Amino acid sequence: MLISKRRVLIEWGDCDPAGIVFYPRYFAYFDASTAHLFRTAGLEKFDLRKRYNIVGFPMVDTRASFKIPSRYGEVIEIHTCVEKFKKTSFDILHQVFKEDGQLAIECWETRVWLGEHPEKPKPRAIPDDVIALLSSANT
């Protein structure tokens, strides 16, 4: 499976008054990490919209397990991969690692491949070539 890795510097604006990351900020990191995974596979989000006539791949479910806090000034590394493909949706795993290699957070998302429609967007089957690129081994 393809795993993208993204390093993030914890900025002061990401933190609460105690200097630890305010938990909603992680979900912004995870959304950016999902886009980074697609980019790593050679799939730019705006190109996907035109090529496959989709609105995007919105999140429909998420949960996270917070193990160790991250603090202002630290650098974390987020590993992102697709754990499972279904017909019109896919499950993503994000793992946040501290610089010493400790696992700080795990987050699971379900996203839907959402196609354009004249009345309202509708789920569509995920194209085989997209699945193949996101399933490939890291090179």
N, C-alpha and C. Protein backbone atom coordinates (compact mmCIF):
# COMPACT_ATOMS: atom_id res chain seq x y z
N MET A 1 0.83 -1.18 0.00
CA MET A 1 0.00 0.00 0.00
C MET A 1 0.87 1.25 0.00
N LEU A 2 0.37 2.28 -0.61
CA LEU A 2 1.09 3.55 -0.66
C LEU A 2 0.92 4.28 0.67
N ILE A 3 2.02 4.73 1.24
CA ILE A 3 2.01 5.50 2.48
C ILE A 3 2.68 6.84 2.20
N SER A 4 1.95 7.92 2.41
CA SER A 4 2.58 9.23 2.29
C SER A 4 3.03 9.68 3.67
N LYS A 5 4.10 10.43 3.70
CA LYS A 5 4.65 10.93 4.96
C LYS A 5 4.81 12.43 4.85
N ARG A 6 4.32 13.12 5.86
CA ARG A 6 4.32 14.59 5.84
C ARG A 6 4.76 15.11 7.20
N ARG A 7 5.79 15.96 7.20
CA ARG A 7 6.28 16.54 8.45
C ARG A 7 5.56 17.87 8.68
N VAL A 8 5.16 18.10 9.94
CA VAL A 8 4.43 19.31 10.30
C VAL A 8 5.07 19.94 11.52
N LEU A 9 5.39 21.22 11.43
CA LEU A 9 5.89 21.99 12.56
C LEU A 9 4.68 22.52 13.32
N ILE A 10 4.63 22.27 14.62
CA ILE A 10 3.53 22.77 15.44
C ILE A 10 3.76 24.26 15.70
N GLU A 11 2.84 25.06 15.19
CA GLU A 11 2.92 26.52 15.33
C GLU A 11 2.14 26.98 16.56
N TRP A 12 2.43 28.20 17.03
CA TRP A 12 1.75 28.74 18.21
C TRP A 12 0.23 28.80 17.98
N GLY A 13 -0.20 29.16 16.79
CA GLY A 13 -1.63 29.26 16.48
C GLY A 13 -2.35 27.92 16.48
N ASP A 14 -1.61 26.82 16.48
CA ASP A 14 -2.20 25.48 16.54
C ASP A 14 -2.51 25.05 17.97
N CYS A 15 -2.03 25.83 18.94
CA CYS A 15 -2.04 25.38 20.34
C CYS A 15 -3.06 26.11 21.19
N ASP A 16 -3.43 25.44 22.27
CA ASP A 16 -4.29 26.05 23.28
C ASP A 16 -3.39 26.82 24.27
N PRO A 17 -3.96 27.47 25.29
CA PRO A 17 -3.12 28.25 26.21
C PRO A 17 -2.07 27.42 26.94
N ALA A 18 -2.25 26.10 27.04
CA ALA A 18 -1.24 25.26 27.70
C ALA A 18 -0.08 24.92 26.77
N GLY A 19 -0.16 25.36 25.50
CA GLY A 19 0.92 25.10 24.55
C GLY A 19 0.85 23.73 23.89
N ILE A 20 -0.29 23.02 24.04
CA ILE A 20 -0.46 21.74 23.34
C ILE A 20 -1.45 21.93 22.19
N VAL A 21 -1.34 21.07 21.18
CA VAL A 21 -2.17 21.22 20.00
C VAL A 21 -3.64 21.09 20.39
N PHE A 22 -4.42 22.07 19.96
CA PHE A 22 -5.88 22.05 20.14
C PHE A 22 -6.42 21.01 19.18
N TYR A 23 -7.12 20.01 19.69
CA TYR A 23 -7.46 18.81 18.92
C TYR A 23 -8.09 19.06 17.55
N PRO A 24 -8.95 20.08 17.33
CA PRO A 24 -9.49 20.25 15.97
C PRO A 24 -8.43 20.53 14.92
N ARG A 25 -7.29 21.08 15.34
CA ARG A 25 -6.21 21.36 14.39
C ARG A 25 -5.72 20.07 13.73
N TYR A 26 -5.74 18.96 14.51
CA TYR A 26 -5.31 17.69 13.93
C TYR A 26 -6.16 17.32 12.72
N PHE A 27 -7.45 17.61 12.79
CA PHE A 27 -8.32 17.24 11.67
C PHE A 27 -8.01 18.06 10.43
N ALA A 28 -7.55 19.29 10.60
CA ALA A 28 -7.06 20.06 9.46
C ALA A 28 -5.78 19.43 8.91
N TYR A 29 -4.87 19.01 9.81
CA TYR A 29 -3.66 18.30 9.39
C TYR A 29 -4.02 17.04 8.60
N PHE A 30 -5.02 16.29 9.10
CA PHE A 30 -5.39 15.03 8.46
C PHE A 30 -6.00 15.27 7.08
N ASP A 31 -6.80 16.31 6.94
CA ASP A 31 -7.37 16.62 5.63
C ASP A 31 -6.26 16.95 4.64
N ALA A 32 -5.30 17.76 5.08
CA ALA A 32 -4.16 18.08 4.22
C ALA A 32 -3.34 16.83 3.91
N SER A 33 -3.26 15.92 4.86
CA SER A 33 -2.49 14.68 4.65
C SER A 33 -3.19 13.76 3.66
N THR A 34 -4.52 13.78 3.63
CA THR A 34 -5.25 13.00 2.62
C THR A 34 -4.95 13.55 1.23
N ALA A 35 -4.98 14.88 1.09
CA ALA A 35 -4.63 15.50 -0.20
C ALA A 35 -3.19 15.17 -0.57
N HIS A 36 -2.29 15.13 0.42
CA HIS A 36 -0.89 14.80 0.18
C HIS A 36 -0.75 13.35 -0.30
N LEU A 37 -1.54 12.44 0.26
CA LEU A 37 -1.52 11.05 -0.19
C LEU A 37 -1.89 10.96 -1.67
N PHE A 38 -2.95 11.63 -2.06
CA PHE A 38 -3.36 11.63 -3.47
C PHE A 38 -2.27 12.23 -4.34
N ARG A 39 -1.67 13.35 -3.88
CA ARG A 39 -0.59 13.99 -4.65
C ARG A 39 0.60 13.05 -4.78
N THR A 40 0.93 12.32 -3.71
CA THR A 40 2.04 11.35 -3.74
C THR A 40 1.78 10.28 -4.79
N ALA A 41 0.51 9.93 -4.99
CA ALA A 41 0.14 8.93 -5.99
C ALA A 41 0.05 9.53 -7.40
N GLY A 42 0.31 10.83 -7.52
CA GLY A 42 0.23 11.49 -8.83
C GLY A 42 -1.16 11.96 -9.17
N LEU A 43 -2.01 12.09 -8.17
CA LEU A 43 -3.41 12.48 -8.37
C LEU A 43 -3.68 13.83 -7.70
N GLU A 44 -3.67 14.89 -8.49
CA GLU A 44 -3.97 16.23 -7.96
C GLU A 44 -5.48 16.40 -7.83
N LYS A 45 -5.92 16.95 -6.71
CA LYS A 45 -7.35 17.05 -6.42
C LYS A 45 -8.13 17.78 -7.51
N PHE A 46 -7.63 18.91 -7.98
CA PHE A 46 -8.37 19.66 -9.01
C PHE A 46 -8.40 18.90 -10.34
N ASP A 47 -7.35 18.19 -10.66
CA ASP A 47 -7.34 17.37 -11.88
C ASP A 47 -8.35 16.23 -11.77
N LEU A 48 -8.46 15.64 -10.58
CA LEU A 48 -9.43 14.56 -10.37
C LEU A 48 -10.85 15.04 -10.63
N ARG A 49 -11.14 16.23 -10.19
CA ARG A 49 -12.50 16.78 -10.36
C ARG A 49 -12.85 16.84 -11.84
N LYS A 50 -11.92 17.32 -12.67
CA LYS A 50 -12.19 17.42 -14.10
C LYS A 50 -12.17 16.04 -14.77
N ARG A 51 -11.16 15.25 -14.46
CA ARG A 51 -10.97 13.95 -15.13
C ARG A 51 -12.10 12.96 -14.85
N TYR A 52 -12.58 12.94 -13.61
CA TYR A 52 -13.58 11.95 -13.23
C TYR A 52 -14.96 12.55 -12.97
N ASN A 53 -15.12 13.86 -13.22
CA ASN A 53 -16.40 14.52 -13.02
C ASN A 53 -16.93 14.30 -11.60
N ILE A 54 -16.06 14.55 -10.62
CA ILE A 54 -16.45 14.39 -9.23
C ILE A 54 -16.45 15.74 -8.51
N VAL A 55 -17.18 15.80 -7.43
CA VAL A 55 -17.17 16.97 -6.56
C VAL A 55 -15.93 16.90 -5.67
N GLY A 56 -15.59 15.69 -5.26
CA GLY A 56 -14.44 15.45 -4.39
C GLY A 56 -14.63 14.14 -3.65
N PHE A 57 -13.99 14.05 -2.47
CA PHE A 57 -14.11 12.85 -1.65
C PHE A 57 -14.27 13.28 -0.19
N PRO A 58 -15.47 13.78 0.15
CA PRO A 58 -15.70 14.30 1.49
C PRO A 58 -15.66 13.21 2.56
N MET A 59 -15.33 13.63 3.76
CA MET A 59 -15.30 12.74 4.92
C MET A 59 -16.73 12.57 5.42
N VAL A 60 -17.11 11.31 5.68
CA VAL A 60 -18.45 11.03 6.21
C VAL A 60 -18.40 10.41 7.60
N ASP A 61 -17.22 9.99 8.03
CA ASP A 61 -17.07 9.42 9.37
C ASP A 61 -15.61 9.57 9.78
N THR A 62 -15.40 9.80 11.07
CA THR A 62 -14.04 9.90 11.57
C THR A 62 -14.01 9.59 13.07
N ARG A 63 -12.86 9.12 13.50
CA ARG A 63 -12.60 8.95 14.93
C ARG A 63 -11.09 8.97 15.11
N ALA A 64 -10.69 9.32 16.33
CA ALA A 64 -9.26 9.42 16.61
C ALA A 64 -8.98 8.93 18.02
N SER A 65 -7.76 8.41 18.20
CA SER A 65 -7.27 7.99 19.50
C SER A 65 -6.03 8.82 19.80
N PHE A 66 -6.13 9.67 20.82
CA PHE A 66 -5.05 10.58 21.21
C PHE A 66 -4.25 9.92 22.32
N LYS A 67 -2.97 9.65 22.07
CA LYS A 67 -2.12 8.92 23.02
C LYS A 67 -1.13 9.82 23.74
N ILE A 68 -0.47 10.71 23.00
CA ILE A 68 0.56 11.60 23.55
C ILE A 68 0.33 12.99 22.97
N PRO A 69 0.33 14.05 23.80
CA PRO A 69 0.13 15.39 23.25
C PRO A 69 1.35 15.88 22.46
N SER A 70 1.08 16.76 21.52
CA SER A 70 2.15 17.44 20.79
C SER A 70 2.12 18.90 21.23
N ARG A 71 3.31 19.51 21.25
CA ARG A 71 3.44 20.85 21.81
C ARG A 71 4.06 21.82 20.80
N TYR A 72 3.87 23.08 21.11
CA TYR A 72 4.43 24.16 20.31
C TYR A 72 5.92 23.92 20.05
N GLY A 73 6.32 24.08 18.78
CA GLY A 73 7.73 23.96 18.40
C GLY A 73 8.16 22.56 18.00
N GLU A 74 7.35 21.55 18.30
CA GLU A 74 7.70 20.18 17.92
C GLU A 74 7.43 19.96 16.44
N VAL A 75 8.11 18.97 15.89
CA VAL A 75 7.84 18.52 14.53
C VAL A 75 7.25 17.11 14.64
N ILE A 76 6.11 16.93 14.02
CA ILE A 76 5.48 15.61 13.98
C ILE A 76 5.53 15.10 12.55
N GLU A 77 5.41 13.79 12.38
CA GLU A 77 5.34 13.21 11.05
C GLU A 77 4.03 12.43 10.94
N ILE A 78 3.26 12.74 9.91
CA ILE A 78 1.96 12.09 9.70
C ILE A 78 2.10 11.09 8.55
N HIS A 79 1.80 9.83 8.85
CA HIS A 79 1.79 8.77 7.85
C HIS A 79 0.33 8.51 7.47
N THR A 80 0.05 8.49 6.18
CA THR A 80 -1.32 8.36 5.70
C THR A 80 -1.40 7.28 4.63
N CYS A 81 -2.42 6.42 4.73
CA CYS A 81 -2.64 5.39 3.71
C CYS A 81 -4.12 5.04 3.65
N VAL A 82 -4.51 4.40 2.55
CA VAL A 82 -5.86 3.84 2.44
C VAL A 82 -5.80 2.44 3.00
N GLU A 83 -6.62 2.17 4.00
CA GLU A 83 -6.67 0.83 4.59
C GLU A 83 -7.61 -0.10 3.83
N LYS A 84 -8.67 0.47 3.26
CA LYS A 84 -9.68 -0.39 2.62
C LYS A 84 -10.45 0.42 1.59
N PHE A 85 -10.67 -0.22 0.44
CA PHE A 85 -11.53 0.36 -0.59
C PHE A 85 -12.85 -0.39 -0.60
N LYS A 86 -13.94 0.35 -0.69
CA LYS A 86 -15.26 -0.22 -0.90
C LYS A 86 -15.71 0.27 -2.27
N LYS A 87 -16.93 0.01 -2.66
CA LYS A 87 -17.38 0.39 -4.00
C LYS A 87 -17.32 1.90 -4.22
N THR A 88 -17.90 2.68 -3.30
CA THR A 88 -17.96 4.14 -3.48
C THR A 88 -17.27 4.90 -2.35
N SER A 89 -16.63 4.19 -1.44
CA SER A 89 -15.96 4.86 -0.33
C SER A 89 -14.63 4.17 -0.04
N PHE A 90 -13.82 4.85 0.78
CA PHE A 90 -12.55 4.27 1.18
C PHE A 90 -12.22 4.72 2.59
N ASP A 91 -11.48 3.87 3.30
CA ASP A 91 -11.09 4.14 4.69
C ASP A 91 -9.62 4.53 4.73
N ILE A 92 -9.35 5.65 5.38
CA ILE A 92 -7.99 6.19 5.50
C ILE A 92 -7.51 6.02 6.94
N LEU A 93 -6.24 5.74 7.09
CA LEU A 93 -5.58 5.72 8.40
C LEU A 93 -4.50 6.79 8.41
N HIS A 94 -4.54 7.64 9.44
CA HIS A 94 -3.48 8.62 9.69
C HIS A 94 -2.82 8.21 11.00
N GLN A 95 -1.50 8.20 11.00
CA GLN A 95 -0.75 7.95 12.23
C GLN A 95 0.22 9.11 12.42
N VAL A 96 0.19 9.69 13.61
CA VAL A 96 1.06 10.82 13.95
C VAL A 96 2.18 10.29 14.84
N PHE A 97 3.42 10.54 14.41
CA PHE A 97 4.60 10.11 15.15
C PHE A 97 5.37 11.32 15.65
N LYS A 98 5.87 11.22 16.87
CA LYS A 98 6.76 12.22 17.43
C LYS A 98 8.15 12.01 16.83
N GLU A 99 9.04 12.96 17.04
CA GLU A 99 10.39 12.85 16.48
C GLU A 99 11.14 11.64 17.02
N ASP A 100 10.81 11.18 18.22
CA ASP A 100 11.49 10.00 18.79
C ASP A 100 10.84 8.69 18.34
N GLY A 101 9.85 8.78 17.43
CA GLY A 101 9.21 7.58 16.88
C GLY A 101 7.97 7.11 17.62
N GLN A 102 7.64 7.75 18.74
CA GLN A 102 6.45 7.35 19.49
C GLN A 102 5.18 7.67 18.70
N LEU A 103 4.22 6.75 18.73
CA LEU A 103 2.92 6.98 18.11
C LEU A 103 2.11 7.89 19.03
N ALA A 104 1.71 9.05 18.51
CA ALA A 104 0.98 10.03 19.31
C ALA A 104 -0.53 9.97 19.07
N ILE A 105 -0.93 9.73 17.83
CA ILE A 105 -2.35 9.74 17.48
C ILE A 105 -2.58 8.77 16.33
N GLU A 106 -3.74 8.13 16.35
CA GLU A 106 -4.24 7.39 15.20
C GLU A 106 -5.62 7.95 14.88
N CYS A 107 -5.87 8.16 13.60
CA CYS A 107 -7.16 8.67 13.16
C CYS A 107 -7.64 7.84 11.98
N TRP A 108 -8.92 7.52 12.00
CA TRP A 108 -9.55 6.76 10.92
C TRP A 108 -10.63 7.62 10.30
N GLU A 109 -10.65 7.64 8.97
CA GLU A 109 -11.66 8.40 8.23
C GLU A 109 -12.31 7.49 7.20
N THR A 110 -13.58 7.74 6.93
CA THR A 110 -14.23 7.16 5.76
C THR A 110 -14.59 8.32 4.86
N ARG A 111 -14.21 8.19 3.60
CA ARG A 111 -14.49 9.22 2.59
C ARG A 111 -15.25 8.61 1.43
N VAL A 112 -16.10 9.41 0.81
CA VAL A 112 -16.95 8.95 -0.29
C VAL A 112 -16.51 9.62 -1.58
N TRP A 113 -16.43 8.81 -2.66
CA TRP A 113 -16.11 9.31 -4.00
C TRP A 113 -17.42 9.88 -4.54
N LEU A 114 -17.51 11.22 -4.59
CA LEU A 114 -18.78 11.90 -4.85
C LEU A 114 -18.81 12.52 -6.23
N GLY A 115 -19.69 12.00 -7.08
CA GLY A 115 -19.78 12.45 -8.46
C GLY A 115 -20.71 13.63 -8.64
N GLU A 116 -20.42 14.42 -9.68
CA GLU A 116 -21.30 15.53 -10.06
C GLU A 116 -22.66 14.96 -10.48
N HIS A 117 -23.70 15.73 -10.24
CA HIS A 117 -25.05 15.35 -10.64
C HIS A 117 -25.85 16.64 -10.79
N PRO A 118 -26.76 16.71 -11.78
CA PRO A 118 -27.49 17.96 -12.00
C PRO A 118 -28.31 18.42 -10.78
N GLU A 119 -28.84 17.47 -10.02
CA GLU A 119 -29.67 17.85 -8.87
C GLU A 119 -28.87 17.90 -7.57
N LYS A 120 -28.14 16.84 -7.29
CA LYS A 120 -27.27 16.82 -6.11
C LYS A 120 -26.19 15.78 -6.33
N PRO A 121 -25.00 15.98 -5.74
CA PRO A 121 -23.92 15.01 -5.91
C PRO A 121 -24.32 13.62 -5.42
N LYS A 122 -23.80 12.60 -6.09
CA LYS A 122 -24.12 11.22 -5.73
C LYS A 122 -22.84 10.39 -5.68
N PRO A 123 -22.78 9.42 -4.75
CA PRO A 123 -21.61 8.53 -4.70
C PRO A 123 -21.45 7.77 -6.01
N ARG A 124 -20.19 7.58 -6.41
CA ARG A 124 -19.86 6.82 -7.62
C ARG A 124 -18.81 5.78 -7.27
N ALA A 125 -18.71 4.78 -8.12
CA ALA A 125 -17.67 3.77 -7.95
C ALA A 125 -16.30 4.43 -8.11
N ILE A 126 -15.37 4.04 -7.26
CA ILE A 126 -14.01 4.57 -7.33
C ILE A 126 -13.33 3.94 -8.55
N PRO A 127 -12.76 4.73 -9.45
CA PRO A 127 -12.13 4.18 -10.64
C PRO A 127 -10.98 3.22 -10.30
N ASP A 128 -10.85 2.16 -11.10
CA ASP A 128 -9.81 1.16 -10.87
C ASP A 128 -8.40 1.75 -10.90
N ASP A 129 -8.16 2.74 -11.79
CA ASP A 129 -6.81 3.31 -11.87
C ASP A 129 -6.48 4.10 -10.61
N VAL A 130 -7.46 4.74 -9.99
CA VAL A 130 -7.25 5.46 -8.74
C VAL A 130 -6.91 4.47 -7.63
N ILE A 131 -7.68 3.39 -7.57
CA ILE A 131 -7.42 2.35 -6.57
C ILE A 131 -6.01 1.78 -6.75
N ALA A 132 -5.63 1.52 -7.99
CA ALA A 132 -4.30 0.95 -8.26
C ALA A 132 -3.18 1.89 -7.79
N LEU A 133 -3.32 3.19 -8.08
CA LEU A 133 -2.28 4.14 -7.69
C LEU A 133 -2.20 4.30 -6.18
N LEU A 134 -3.33 4.30 -5.49
CA LEU A 134 -3.33 4.46 -4.04
C LEU A 134 -2.97 3.16 -3.32
N SER A 135 -2.99 2.05 -4.04
CA SER A 135 -2.63 0.75 -3.45
C SER A 135 -1.19 0.36 -3.72
N SER A 136 -0.51 1.11 -4.59
CA SER A 136 0.85 0.74 -4.98
C SER A 136 1.82 0.86 -3.82
N ALA A 137 2.90 0.11 -3.92
CA ALA A 137 3.95 0.17 -2.91
C ALA A 137 4.73 1.48 -3.08
N ASN A 138 5.24 1.99 -1.97
CA ASN A 138 6.09 3.19 -2.05
C ASN A 138 7.33 2.86 -2.87
N THR A 139 7.76 3.85 -3.65
CA THR A 139 8.97 3.66 -4.44
C THR A 139 10.10 4.51 -3.91
